[in-house]
């Protein structure tokens, strides 16, 4: 229920001093008579008029409350809305080469990328999202889907050594483009995440970017790696050893890919910056929702008005007939 003139409800505050005044007057009007014994009076039955003594005031206060509510014009509203959702196609192309084991992100670059990407997927329930992985080769881990629970589980199964080592950025990007080129969705996006330079594959990254542009696909390129050196585990005959590796990659190519396709380039140097990048992409690529709202209001002051008049009428009847002798004495 809503009110067309809710300010009238503040008039109800005026009843507070009225009620206190009535209580004060009733307390002052109590009469006292000195008698030897009240034994006789104690057993006298109380009349109905004694019980009705305060009823007129209660009826008057109730009537004023109901009349004030009627003045505020209570209204019942029926509202409903119609939503039309237009999702976005998003392919995530993630580098799973050996250098993604570097531990400048925690616990390492690949695990950090998987965790943040999973959070991103969960927060976009209306979009078709797929996953491509690449190293020396590339394959589709999950085609475009709205079954995000399955996609998140597939993220967990990604690990090093699934495919030959290397960094085929162009091949990974081209594979992602191929998975969404026939989509009729107006907004198509690829999130390309890598920490290396293109050194494998038959497709040049810039060529793949031009193909993406042809199909109206924007590419957000994310370069992963801190500045300076990063520790990376290496398997040796005597067990796992750690070496320090220069954290460098081909930023110029990633920037060119983003610029060619109308996307943006980001660099993630730690877990927080990687999460911040995905949050920025999430804000830039909002799902379009068209909402039409309908509302119908119905006046509802009549029940309050008639109830108020009834209370005031009952008060007048009580004072004029039932309690007349008390008021005259």
C-alpha atoms as a PDB file:
ATOM      1  CA  UNK A   1       0.000   0.000   0.000  1.00  0.00           C
ATOM      2  CA  UNK A   2       1.217   3.514  -0.813  1.00  0.00           C
ATOM      3  CA  UNK A   3      -0.070   6.997   0.047  1.00  0.00           C
ATOM      4  CA  UNK A   4      -0.645   9.834  -2.397  1.00  0.00           C
ATOM      5  CA  UNK A   5      -0.296  12.458   0.379  1.00  0.00           C
ATOM      6  CA  UNK A   6       1.872  10.789   3.066  1.00  0.00           C
ATOM      7  CA  UNK A   7       2.614  14.120   4.828  1.00  0.00           C
ATOM      8  CA  UNK A   8      -0.900  14.058   6.313  1.00  0.00           C
ATOM      9  CA  UNK A   9       0.197  11.117   8.464  1.00  0.00           C
ATOM     10  CA  UNK A  10       2.306  13.510  10.555  1.00  0.00           C
ATOM     11  CA  UNK A  11      -0.999  14.846  11.963  1.00  0.00           C
ATOM     12  CA  UNK A  12      -1.175  11.649  14.000  1.00  0.00           C
ATOM     13  CA  UNK A  13       1.611  13.033  16.198  1.00  0.00           C
ATOM     14  CA  UNK A  14      -0.889  15.571  17.551  1.00  0.00           C
ATOM     15  CA  UNK A  15      -2.757  12.718  19.236  1.00  0.00           C
ATOM     16  CA  UNK A  16       0.108  12.101  21.644  1.00  0.00           C
ATOM     17  CA  UNK A  17      -0.474  15.261  23.753  1.00  0.00           C
ATOM     18  CA  UNK A  18      -4.269  14.746  23.500  1.00  0.00           C
ATOM     19  CA  UNK A  19      -3.981  11.258  25.001  1.00  0.00           C
ATOM     20  CA  UNK A  20      -1.691  12.496  27.784  1.00  0.00           C
ATOM     21  CA  UNK A  21      -4.115  15.362  28.509  1.00  0.00           C
ATOM     22  CA  UNK A  22      -7.031  12.927  28.770  1.00  0.00           C
ATOM     23  CA  UNK A  23      -5.141  10.688  31.196  1.00  0.00           C
ATOM     24  CA  UNK A  24      -4.165  13.733  33.270  1.00  0.00           C
ATOM     25  CA  UNK A  25      -7.752  15.014  33.422  1.00  0.00           C
ATOM     26  CA  UNK A  26      -9.084  11.596  34.445  1.00  0.00           C
ATOM     27  CA  UNK A  27      -6.497  11.389  37.212  1.00  0.00           C
ATOM     28  CA  UNK A  28      -7.384  14.866  38.536  1.00  0.00           C
ATOM     29  CA  UNK A  29     -11.118  14.169  38.462  1.00  0.00           C
ATOM     30  CA  UNK A  30     -10.937  11.190  40.832  1.00  0.00           C
ATOM     31  CA  UNK A  31     -13.109  12.030  43.871  1.00  0.00           C
ATOM     32  CA  UNK A  32     -12.307  10.955  47.449  1.00  0.00           C
ATOM     33  CA  UNK A  33     -14.788  10.387  50.259  1.00  0.00           C
ATOM     34  CA  UNK A  34     -13.944   9.433  53.848  1.00  0.00           C
ATOM     35  CA  UNK A  35     -16.090   6.576  55.097  1.00  0.00           C
ATOM     36  CA  UNK A  36     -15.830   4.222  58.035  1.00  0.00           C
ATOM     37  CA  UNK A  37     -15.894   1.077  55.964  1.00  0.00           C
ATOM     38  CA  UNK A  38     -16.056   0.131  52.269  1.00  0.00           C
ATOM     39  CA  UNK A  39     -17.248  -3.417  52.951  1.00  0.00           C
ATOM     40  CA  UNK A  40     -20.691  -2.717  51.521  1.00  0.00           C
ATOM     41  CA  UNK A  41     -19.405  -0.933  48.428  1.00  0.00           C
ATOM     42  CA  UNK A  42     -16.813  -3.593  47.775  1.00  0.00           C
ATOM     43  CA  UNK A  43     -19.453  -6.173  46.954  1.00  0.00           C
ATOM     44  CA  UNK A  44     -21.583  -3.905  44.783  1.00  0.00           C
ATOM     45  CA  UNK A  45     -21.628  -5.051  41.134  1.00  0.00           C
ATOM     46  CA  UNK A  46     -20.098  -2.761  38.550  1.00  0.00           C
ATOM     47  CA  UNK A  47     -22.508  -1.475  35.954  1.00  0.00           C
ATOM     48  CA  UNK A  48     -21.966  -1.630  32.196  1.00  0.00           C
ATOM     49  CA  UNK A  49     -21.690   2.150  32.066  1.00  0.00           C
ATOM     50  CA  UNK A  50     -18.595   2.014  34.255  1.00  0.00           C
ATOM     51  CA  UNK A  51     -16.853  -0.255  31.768  1.00  0.00           C
ATOM     52  CA  UNK A  52     -17.918   2.022  28.900  1.00  0.00           C
ATOM     53  CA  UNK A  53     -16.622   5.160  30.574  1.00  0.00           C
ATOM     54  CA  UNK A  54     -13.493   5.480  28.392  1.00  0.00           C
ATOM     55  CA  UNK A  55     -14.960   3.989  25.236  1.00  0.00           C
ATOM     56  CA  UNK A  56     -16.118   7.323  23.718  1.00  0.00           C
ATOM     57  CA  UNK A  57     -12.565   8.710  23.912  1.00  0.00           C
ATOM     58  CA  UNK A  58     -11.140   5.517  22.377  1.00  0.00           C
ATOM     59  CA  UNK A  59     -13.692   5.746  19.573  1.00  0.00           C
ATOM     60  CA  UNK A  60     -12.865   9.410  18.963  1.00  0.00           C
ATOM     61  CA  UNK A  61      -9.112   8.744  18.790  1.00  0.00           C
ATOM     62  CA  UNK A  62      -9.671   5.746  16.509  1.00  0.00           C
ATOM     63  CA  UNK A  63     -11.943   7.831  14.283  1.00  0.00           C
ATOM     64  CA  UNK A  64      -9.346  10.597  14.008  1.00  0.00           C
ATOM     65  CA  UNK A  65      -6.628   8.049  13.113  1.00  0.00           C
ATOM     66  CA  UNK A  66      -8.771   6.474  10.404  1.00  0.00           C
ATOM     67  CA  UNK A  67      -9.835   9.882   9.074  1.00  0.00           C
ATOM     68  CA  UNK A  68      -6.194  10.986   8.873  1.00  0.00           C
ATOM     69  CA  UNK A  69      -5.278   7.835   6.965  1.00  0.00           C
ATOM     70  CA  UNK A  70      -8.167   8.501   4.568  1.00  0.00           C
ATOM     71  CA  UNK A  71      -6.883  12.076   4.011  1.00  0.00           C
ATOM     72  CA  UNK A  72      -3.446  10.615   3.108  1.00  0.00           C
ATOM     73  CA  UNK A  73      -5.173   8.774   0.232  1.00  0.00           C
ATOM     74  CA  UNK A  74      -4.027   5.158   0.624  1.00  0.00           C
ATOM     75  CA  UNK A  75      -3.724   3.360  -2.700  1.00  0.00           C
ATOM     76  CA  UNK A  76      -3.244  -0.255  -3.671  1.00  0.00           C
ATOM     77  CA  UNK A  77      -0.851  -0.729  -6.576  1.00  0.00           C
ATOM     78  CA  UNK A  78      -0.489  -3.659  -8.913  1.00  0.00           C
ATOM     79  CA  UNK A  79       2.776  -3.576 -10.822  1.00  0.00           C
ATOM     80  CA  UNK A  80       4.612  -5.943 -13.082  1.00  0.00           C
ATOM     81  CA  UNK A  81       7.512  -5.739 -15.492  1.00  0.00           C
ATOM     82  CA  UNK A  82       8.691  -7.389 -18.655  1.00  0.00           C
ATOM     83  CA  UNK A  83      12.393  -8.104 -19.184  1.00  0.00           C
ATOM     84  CA  UNK A  84      14.253  -8.824 -22.395  1.00  0.00           C
ATOM     85  CA  UNK A  85      17.823 -10.008 -21.948  1.00  0.00           C
ATOM     86  CA  UNK A  86      20.470  -9.778 -24.647  1.00  0.00           C
ATOM     87  CA  UNK A  87      23.550 -11.743 -23.611  1.00  0.00           C
ATOM     88  CA  UNK A  88      27.129 -11.379 -24.778  1.00  0.00           C
ATOM     89  CA  UNK A  89      29.297 -14.070 -26.365  1.00  0.00           C
ATOM     90  CA  UNK A  90      32.618 -14.339 -24.545  1.00  0.00           C
ATOM     91  CA  UNK A  91      35.438 -16.723 -25.421  1.00  0.00           C
ATOM     92  CA  UNK A  92      38.310 -16.965 -22.958  1.00  0.00           C
ATOM     93  CA  UNK A  93      41.653 -17.928 -24.495  1.00  0.00           C
ATOM     94  CA  UNK A  94      44.135 -18.874 -21.757  1.00  0.00           C
ATOM     95  CA  UNK A  95      47.822 -19.650 -22.100  1.00  0.00           C
ATOM     96  CA  UNK A  96      48.784 -22.914 -20.343  1.00  0.00           C
ATOM     97  CA  UNK A  97      52.458 -22.987 -21.386  1.00  0.00           C
ATOM     98  CA  UNK A  98      55.222 -23.879 -18.947  1.00  0.00           C
ATOM     99  CA  UNK A  99      56.024 -20.263 -18.079  1.00  0.00           C
ATOM    100  CA  UNK A 100      52.548 -19.947 -16.581  1.00  0.00           C
ATOM    101  CA  UNK A 101      53.984 -21.930 -13.642  1.00  0.00           C
ATOM    102  CA  UNK A 102      55.848 -18.801 -12.519  1.00  0.00           C
ATOM    103  CA  UNK A 103      55.003 -17.952  -8.938  1.00  0.00           C
ATOM    104  CA  UNK A 104      54.904 -14.153  -9.054  1.00  0.00           C
ATOM    105  CA  UNK A 105      51.101 -14.651  -8.884  1.00  0.00           C
ATOM    106  CA  UNK A 106      49.885 -16.996  -6.164  1.00  0.00           C
ATOM    107  CA  UNK A 107      50.010 -19.946  -6.168  1.00  0.00           C
ATOM    108  CA  UNK A 108      51.158 -19.518  -9.774  1.00  0.00           C
ATOM    109  CA  UNK A 109      50.049 -17.635 -12.877  1.00  0.00           C
ATOM    110  CA  UNK A 110      47.811 -20.358 -14.275  1.00  0.00           C
ATOM    111  CA  UNK A 111      46.005 -21.123 -11.020  1.00  0.00           C
ATOM    112  CA  UNK A 112      45.452 -17.417 -10.387  1.00  0.00           C
ATOM    113  CA  UNK A 113      44.081 -17.012 -13.926  1.00  0.00           C
ATOM    114  CA  UNK A 114      41.734 -19.993 -13.463  1.00  0.00           C
ATOM    115  CA  UNK A 115      40.387 -18.742 -10.124  1.00  0.00           C
ATOM    116  CA  UNK A 116      39.707 -15.193 -11.281  1.00  0.00           C
ATOM    117  CA  UNK A 117      38.234 -16.332 -14.601  1.00  0.00           C
ATOM    118  CA  UNK A 118      35.870 -18.692 -12.732  1.00  0.00           C
ATOM    119  CA  UNK A 119      34.636 -15.804 -10.580  1.00  0.00           C
ATOM    120  CA  UNK A 120      34.086 -13.760 -13.738  1.00  0.00           C
ATOM    121  CA  UNK A 121      32.005 -16.556 -15.306  1.00  0.00           C
ATOM    122  CA  UNK A 122      29.821 -17.003 -12.201  1.00  0.00           C
ATOM    123  CA  UNK A 123      29.014 -13.272 -12.134  1.00  0.00           C
ATOM    124  CA  UNK A 124      27.708 -13.256 -15.738  1.00  0.00           C
ATOM    125  CA  UNK A 125      24.726 -15.654 -15.748  1.00  0.00           C
ATOM    126  CA  UNK A 126      23.135 -14.287 -18.941  1.00  0.00           C
ATOM    127  CA  UNK A 127      26.116 -14.685 -21.259  1.00  0.00           C
ATOM    128  CA  UNK A 128      27.348 -17.466 -23.520  1.00  0.00           C
ATOM    129  CA  UNK A 129      30.906 -18.149 -22.377  1.00  0.00           C
ATOM    130  CA  UNK A 130      33.433 -20.622 -23.760  1.00  0.00           C
ATOM    131  CA  UNK A 131      37.046 -21.587 -23.135  1.00  0.00           C
ATOM    132  CA  UNK A 132      40.026 -22.135 -25.422  1.00  0.00           C
ATOM    133  CA  UNK A 133      43.451 -23.133 -24.102  1.00  0.00           C
ATOM    134  CA  UNK A 134      46.740 -22.913 -25.932  1.00  0.00           C
ATOM    135  CA  UNK A 135      50.423 -23.574 -25.519  1.00  0.00           C
ATOM    136  CA  UNK A 136      52.347 -24.978 -28.506  1.00  0.00           C
ATOM    137  CA  UNK A 137      48.946 -25.936 -29.937  1.00  0.00           C
ATOM    138  CA  UNK A 138      45.367 -24.950 -29.176  1.00  0.00           C
ATOM    139  CA  UNK A 139      42.097 -26.722 -28.538  1.00  0.00           C
ATOM    140  CA  UNK A 140      38.606 -25.869 -27.306  1.00  0.00           C
ATOM    141  CA  UNK A 141      38.095 -26.855 -23.685  1.00  0.00           C
ATOM    142  CA  UNK A 142      34.453 -25.737 -23.737  1.00  0.00           C
ATOM    143  CA  UNK A 143      32.320 -24.259 -26.562  1.00  0.00           C
ATOM    144  CA  UNK A 144      30.028 -21.300 -25.906  1.00  0.00           C
ATOM    145  CA  UNK A 145      27.533 -22.285 -23.227  1.00  0.00           C
ATOM    146  CA  UNK A 146      25.200 -20.849 -20.611  1.00  0.00           C
ATOM    147  CA  UNK A 147      25.795 -23.906 -18.387  1.00  0.00           C
ATOM    148  CA  UNK A 148      28.373 -22.105 -16.311  1.00  0.00           C
ATOM    149  CA  UNK A 149      28.594 -24.840 -13.678  1.00  0.00           C
ATOM    150  CA  UNK A 150      30.028 -27.178 -16.313  1.00  0.00           C
ATOM    151  CA  UNK A 151      32.389 -24.474 -17.536  1.00  0.00           C
ATOM    152  CA  UNK A 152      33.723 -23.782 -14.037  1.00  0.00           C
ATOM    153  CA  UNK A 153      34.369 -27.511 -13.547  1.00  0.00           C
ATOM    154  CA  UNK A 154      36.287 -27.592 -16.828  1.00  0.00           C
ATOM    155  CA  UNK A 155      38.449 -24.742 -15.572  1.00  0.00           C
ATOM    156  CA  UNK A 156      39.505 -26.974 -12.686  1.00  0.00           C
ATOM    157  CA  UNK A 157      40.696 -29.687 -15.077  1.00  0.00           C
ATOM    158  CA  UNK A 158      43.169 -27.385 -16.863  1.00  0.00           C
ATOM    159  CA  UNK A 159      46.771 -28.234 -16.045  1.00  0.00           C
ATOM    160  CA  UNK A 160      50.281 -27.960 -17.435  1.00  0.00           C
ATOM    161  CA  UNK A 161      51.379 -30.518 -19.975  1.00  0.00           C
ATOM    162  CA  UNK A 162      47.946 -31.069 -21.532  1.00  0.00           C
ATOM    163  CA  UNK A 163      49.453 -30.094 -24.894  1.00  0.00           C
ATOM    164  CA  UNK A 164      52.947 -29.512 -26.264  1.00  0.00           C
ATOM    165  CA  UNK A 165      54.770 -26.610 -24.683  1.00  0.00           C
ATOM    166  CA  UNK A 166      55.255 -23.315 -26.447  1.00  0.00           C
ATOM    167  CA  UNK A 167      53.220 -20.157 -26.979  1.00  0.00           C
ATOM    168  CA  UNK A 168      50.982 -20.116 -30.040  1.00  0.00           C
ATOM    169  CA  UNK A 169      49.133 -16.863 -29.396  1.00  0.00           C
ATOM    170  CA  UNK A 170      47.930 -16.511 -32.989  1.00  0.00           C
ATOM    171  CA  UNK A 171      46.617 -20.076 -33.053  1.00  0.00           C
ATOM    172  CA  UNK A 172      44.811 -19.667 -29.719  1.00  0.00           C
ATOM    173  CA  UNK A 173      43.213 -16.420 -30.856  1.00  0.00           C
ATOM    174  CA  UNK A 174      42.198 -17.867 -34.224  1.00  0.00           C
ATOM    175  CA  UNK A 175      40.646 -20.889 -32.500  1.00  0.00           C
ATOM    176  CA  UNK A 176      38.577 -18.576 -30.276  1.00  0.00           C
ATOM    177  CA  UNK A 177      37.460 -16.539 -33.302  1.00  0.00           C
ATOM    178  CA  UNK A 178      36.436 -19.700 -35.135  1.00  0.00           C
ATOM    179  CA  UNK A 179      34.241 -20.730 -32.190  1.00  0.00           C
ATOM    180  CA  UNK A 180      32.178 -17.524 -32.277  1.00  0.00           C
ATOM    181  CA  UNK A 181      32.362 -16.231 -35.860  1.00  0.00           C
ATOM    182  CA  UNK A 182      28.943 -17.669 -36.802  1.00  0.00           C
ATOM    183  CA  UNK A 183      27.187 -16.324 -33.716  1.00  0.00           C
ATOM    184  CA  UNK A 184      24.347 -13.868 -34.364  1.00  0.00           C
ATOM    185  CA  UNK A 185      24.872 -12.111 -31.032  1.00  0.00           C
ATOM    186  CA  UNK A 186      25.573  -8.413 -31.528  1.00  0.00           C
ATOM    187  CA  UNK A 187      28.333  -8.251 -28.925  1.00  0.00           C
ATOM    188  CA  UNK A 188      31.237 -10.733 -29.196  1.00  0.00           C
ATOM    189  CA  UNK A 189      34.332 -10.611 -27.012  1.00  0.00           C
ATOM    190  CA  UNK A 190      37.548 -12.594 -26.571  1.00  0.00           C
ATOM    191  CA  UNK A 191      39.628 -12.344 -23.394  1.00  0.00           C
ATOM    192  CA  UNK A 192      43.145 -13.382 -24.381  1.00  0.00           C
ATOM    193  CA  UNK A 193      45.471 -14.122 -21.449  1.00  0.00           C
ATOM    194  CA  UNK A 194      49.148 -14.963 -21.941  1.00  0.00           C
ATOM    195  CA  UNK A 195      52.584 -14.409 -20.442  1.00  0.00           C
ATOM    196  CA  UNK A 196      54.739 -15.077 -23.483  1.00  0.00           C
ATOM    197  CA  UNK A 197      55.643 -14.205 -27.042  1.00  0.00           C
ATOM    198  CA  UNK A 198      54.318 -16.028 -30.068  1.00  0.00           C
ATOM    199  CA  UNK A 199      56.821 -18.778 -30.943  1.00  0.00           C
ATOM    200  CA  UNK A 200      54.643 -21.610 -32.244  1.00  0.00           C
ATOM    201  CA  UNK A 201      51.756 -22.144 -34.638  1.00  0.00           C
ATOM    202  CA  UNK A 202      51.086 -21.341 -38.269  1.00  0.00           C
ATOM    203  CA  UNK A 203      48.971 -18.233 -37.686  1.00  0.00           C
ATOM    204  CA  UNK A 204      50.495 -14.859 -36.898  1.00  0.00           C
ATOM    205  CA  UNK A 205      48.812 -13.051 -33.964  1.00  0.00           C
ATOM    206  CA  UNK A 206      48.219  -9.918 -36.047  1.00  0.00           C
ATOM    207  CA  UNK A 207      46.568 -11.978 -38.782  1.00  0.00           C
ATOM    208  CA  UNK A 208      44.286 -13.559 -36.197  1.00  0.00           C
ATOM    209  CA  UNK A 209      43.458 -10.081 -34.906  1.00  0.00           C
ATOM    210  CA  UNK A 210      42.467  -8.948 -38.402  1.00  0.00           C
ATOM    211  CA  UNK A 211      40.174 -11.978 -38.720  1.00  0.00           C
ATOM    212  CA  UNK A 212      38.591 -11.120 -35.368  1.00  0.00           C
ATOM    213  CA  UNK A 213      38.011  -7.555 -36.551  1.00  0.00           C
ATOM    214  CA  UNK A 214      36.306  -8.859 -39.698  1.00  0.00           C
ATOM    215  CA  UNK A 215      33.754 -10.704 -37.587  1.00  0.00           C
ATOM    216  CA  UNK A 216      33.211  -7.753 -35.235  1.00  0.00           C
ATOM    217  CA  UNK A 217      34.948  -9.419 -32.294  1.00  0.00           C
ATOM    218  CA  UNK A 218      36.670  -7.279 -29.663  1.00  0.00           C
ATOM    219  CA  UNK A 219      39.770  -8.683 -27.984  1.00  0.00           C
ATOM    220  CA  UNK A 220      40.794  -7.766 -24.454  1.00  0.00           C
ATOM    221  CA  UNK A 221      44.430  -8.797 -24.199  1.00  0.00           C
ATOM    222  CA  UNK A 222      45.825  -9.509 -20.721  1.00  0.00           C
ATOM    223  CA  UNK A 223      49.568  -9.834 -20.239  1.00  0.00           C
ATOM    224  CA  UNK A 224      50.465 -11.718 -17.068  1.00  0.00           C
ATOM    225  CA  UNK A 225      53.734 -11.255 -15.199  1.00  0.00           C
ATOM    226  CA  UNK A 226      55.428  -9.011 -12.677  1.00  0.00           C
ATOM    227  CA  UNK A 227      58.276  -6.695 -13.594  1.00  0.00           C
ATOM    228  CA  UNK A 228      61.777  -8.088 -13.150  1.00  0.00           C
ATOM    229  CA  UNK A 229      62.415 -11.768 -12.458  1.00  0.00           C
ATOM    230  CA  UNK A 230      60.007 -14.485 -11.386  1.00  0.00           C
ATOM    231  CA  UNK A 231      60.625 -17.873  -9.795  1.00  0.00           C
ATOM    232  CA  UNK A 232      59.555 -20.872 -11.884  1.00  0.00           C
ATOM    233  CA  UNK A 233      59.743 -24.602 -11.009  1.00  0.00           C
ATOM    234  CA  UNK A 234      61.672 -26.926 -13.324  1.00  0.00           C
ATOM    235  CA  UNK A 235      61.537 -30.724 -13.184  1.00  0.00           C
ATOM    236  CA  UNK A 236      65.002 -32.322 -13.008  1.00  0.00           C
ATOM    237  CA  UNK A 237      66.249 -35.901 -12.415  1.00  0.00           C
ATOM    238  CA  UNK A 238      66.772 -34.995  -8.771  1.00  0.00           C
ATOM    239  CA  UNK A 239      63.333 -33.436  -8.310  1.00  0.00           C
ATOM    240  CA  UNK A 240      61.805 -29.991  -8.642  1.00  0.00           C
ATOM    241  CA  UNK A 241      64.293 -27.158  -8.842  1.00  0.00           C
ATOM    242  CA  UNK A 242      63.569 -23.429  -9.079  1.00  0.00           C
ATOM    243  CA  UNK A 243      65.136 -20.990 -11.488  1.00  0.00           C
ATOM    244  CA  UNK A 244      64.728 -17.244 -11.870  1.00  0.00           C
ATOM    245  CA  UNK A 245      63.215 -16.214 -15.202  1.00  0.00           C
ATOM    246  CA  UNK A 246      62.946 -12.768 -16.750  1.00  0.00           C
ATOM    247  CA  UNK A 247      59.277 -11.756 -16.654  1.00  0.00           C
ATOM    248  CA  UNK A 248      59.134 -10.375 -20.169  1.00  0.00           C
ATOM    249  CA  UNK A 249      56.718 -10.946 -23.011  1.00  0.00           C
ATOM    250  CA  UNK A 250      55.631  -9.338 -26.272  1.00  0.00           C
ATOM    251  CA  UNK A 251      53.507  -6.474 -24.978  1.00  0.00           C
ATOM    252  CA  UNK A 252      53.659  -4.685 -28.317  1.00  0.00           C
ATOM    253  CA  UNK A 253      51.841  -7.542 -30.066  1.00  0.00           C
ATOM    254  CA  UNK A 254      49.170  -7.743 -27.381  1.00  0.00           C
ATOM    255  CA  UNK A 255      48.591  -3.995 -27.575  1.00  0.00           C
ATOM    256  CA  UNK A 256      48.341  -4.214 -31.360  1.00  0.00           C
ATOM    257  CA  UNK A 257      45.785  -7.046 -31.143  1.00  0.00           C
ATOM    258  CA  UNK A 258      43.631  -5.024 -28.742  1.00  0.00           C
ATOM    259  CA  UNK A 259      43.892  -1.853 -30.818  1.00  0.00           C
ATOM    260  CA  UNK A 260      43.079  -3.633 -34.082  1.00  0.00           C
ATOM    261  CA  UNK A 261      39.890  -5.178 -32.701  1.00  0.00           C
ATOM    262  CA  UNK A 262      38.668  -2.204 -30.680  1.00  0.00           C
ATOM    263  CA  UNK A 263      39.488  -3.812 -27.345  1.00  0.00           C
ATOM    264  CA  UNK A 264      42.005  -2.895 -24.657  1.00  0.00           C
ATOM    265  CA  UNK A 265      45.298  -4.165 -23.305  1.00  0.00           C
ATOM    266  CA  UNK A 266      45.928  -4.803 -19.602  1.00  0.00           C
ATOM    267  CA  UNK A 267      48.910  -6.035 -17.596  1.00  0.00           C
ATOM    268  CA  UNK A 268      48.440  -8.130 -14.471  1.00  0.00           C
ATOM    269  CA  UNK A 269      51.435  -8.084 -12.150  1.00  0.00           C
ATOM    270  CA  UNK A 270      49.744  -9.794  -9.157  1.00  0.00           C
ATOM    271  CA  UNK A 271      46.491 -11.439  -8.108  1.00  0.00           C
ATOM    272  CA  UNK A 272      44.811  -8.162  -7.166  1.00  0.00           C
ATOM    273  CA  UNK A 273      45.574  -6.466 -10.456  1.00  0.00           C
ATOM    274  CA  UNK A 274      44.377  -9.535 -12.374  1.00  0.00           C
ATOM    275  CA  UNK A 275      41.079  -9.506 -10.480  1.00  0.00           C
ATOM    276  CA  UNK A 276      40.777  -5.747 -11.074  1.00  0.00           C
ATOM    277  CA  UNK A 277      41.246  -6.283 -14.835  1.00  0.00           C
ATOM    278  CA  UNK A 278      38.398  -8.785 -14.988  1.00  0.00           C
ATOM    279  CA  UNK A 279      36.229  -6.393 -12.977  1.00  0.00           C
ATOM    280  CA  UNK A 280      36.941  -3.621 -15.506  1.00  0.00           C
ATOM    281  CA  UNK A 281      36.045  -5.913 -18.393  1.00  0.00           C
ATOM    282  CA  UNK A 282      32.891  -6.920 -16.547  1.00  0.00           C
ATOM    283  CA  UNK A 283      31.871  -3.252 -16.282  1.00  0.00           C
ATOM    284  CA  UNK A 284      32.691  -2.470 -19.920  1.00  0.00           C
ATOM    285  CA  UNK A 285      30.805  -5.482 -21.295  1.00  0.00           C
ATOM    286  CA  UNK A 286      27.464  -5.261 -19.537  1.00  0.00           C
ATOM    287  CA  UNK A 287      24.608  -7.508 -20.583  1.00  0.00           C
ATOM    288  CA  UNK A 288      21.828  -5.438 -22.129  1.00  0.00           C
ATOM    289  CA  UNK A 289      18.482  -5.756 -20.371  1.00  0.00           C
ATOM    290  CA  UNK A 290      15.421  -3.905 -21.615  1.00  0.00           C
ATOM    291  CA  UNK A 291      12.751  -3.536 -18.948  1.00  0.00           C
ATOM    292  CA  UNK A 292       9.178  -2.315 -19.366  1.00  0.00           C
ATOM    293  CA  UNK A 293       7.296  -1.622 -16.160  1.00  0.00           C
ATOM    294  CA  UNK A 294       3.547  -1.379 -15.717  1.00  0.00           C
ATOM    295  CA  UNK A 295       1.698  -0.044 -12.691  1.00  0.00           C
ATOM    296  CA  UNK A 296      -1.987   0.235 -11.837  1.00  0.00           C
ATOM    297  CA  UNK A 297      -3.172   2.113  -8.737  1.00  0.00           C
ATOM    298  CA  UNK A 298      -6.519   1.769  -7.016  1.00  0.00           C
ATOM    299  CA  UNK A 299      -7.910   4.220  -4.445  1.00  0.00           C
ATOM    300  CA  UNK A 300      -8.377   2.600  -1.032  1.00  0.00           C
ATOM    301  CA  UNK A 301      -9.382   5.494   1.225  1.00  0.00           C
ATOM    302  CA  UNK A 302     -13.111   4.615   1.330  1.00  0.00           C
ATOM    303  CA  UNK A 303     -12.874   1.814   3.965  1.00  0.00           C
ATOM    304  CA  UNK A 304     -10.890   4.113   6.266  1.00  0.00           C
ATOM    305  CA  UNK A 305     -13.326   7.003   5.752  1.00  0.00           C
ATOM    306  CA  UNK A 306     -16.437   4.921   6.466  1.00  0.00           C
ATOM    307  CA  UNK A 307     -14.778   3.287   9.486  1.00  0.00           C
ATOM    308  CA  UNK A 308     -13.855   6.722  10.851  1.00  0.00           C
ATOM    309  CA  UNK A 309     -17.433   7.998  10.461  1.00  0.00           C
ATOM    310  CA  UNK A 310     -18.740   4.849  12.159  1.00  0.00           C
ATOM    311  CA  UNK A 311     -16.441   5.366  15.147  1.00  0.00           C
ATOM    312  CA  UNK A 312     -17.488   8.999  15.527  1.00  0.00           C
ATOM    313  CA  UNK A 313     -21.178   8.057  15.206  1.00  0.00           C
ATOM    314  CA  UNK A 314     -20.823   5.393  17.903  1.00  0.00           C
ATOM    315  CA  UNK A 315     -19.158   7.949  20.168  1.00  0.00           C
ATOM    316  CA  UNK A 316     -22.070  10.361  19.724  1.00  0.00           C
ATOM    317  CA  UNK A 317     -24.609   7.613  20.476  1.00  0.00           C
ATOM    318  CA  UNK A 318     -22.767   6.534  23.613  1.00  0.00           C
ATOM    319  CA  UNK A 319     -22.477  10.090  24.930  1.00  0.00           C
ATOM    320  CA  UNK A 320     -26.078  10.983  24.076  1.00  0.00           C
ATOM    321  CA  UNK A 321     -27.821   7.886  25.379  1.00  0.00           C
ATOM    322  CA  UNK A 322     -25.775   5.289  27.233  1.00  0.00           C
ATOM    323  CA  UNK A 323     -23.496   7.598  29.241  1.00  0.00           C
ATOM    324  CA  UNK A 324     -25.772  10.607  29.453  1.00  0.00           C
ATOM    325  CA  UNK A 325     -26.481  10.346  33.200  1.00  0.00           C
ATOM    326  CA  UNK A 326     -22.793  10.076  34.025  1.00  0.00           C
ATOM    327  CA  UNK A 327     -21.917  13.159  32.040  1.00  0.00           C
ATOM    328  CA  UNK A 328     -24.832  15.143  33.546  1.00  0.00           C
ATOM    329  CA  UNK A 329     -24.067  14.262  37.156  1.00  0.00           C
END
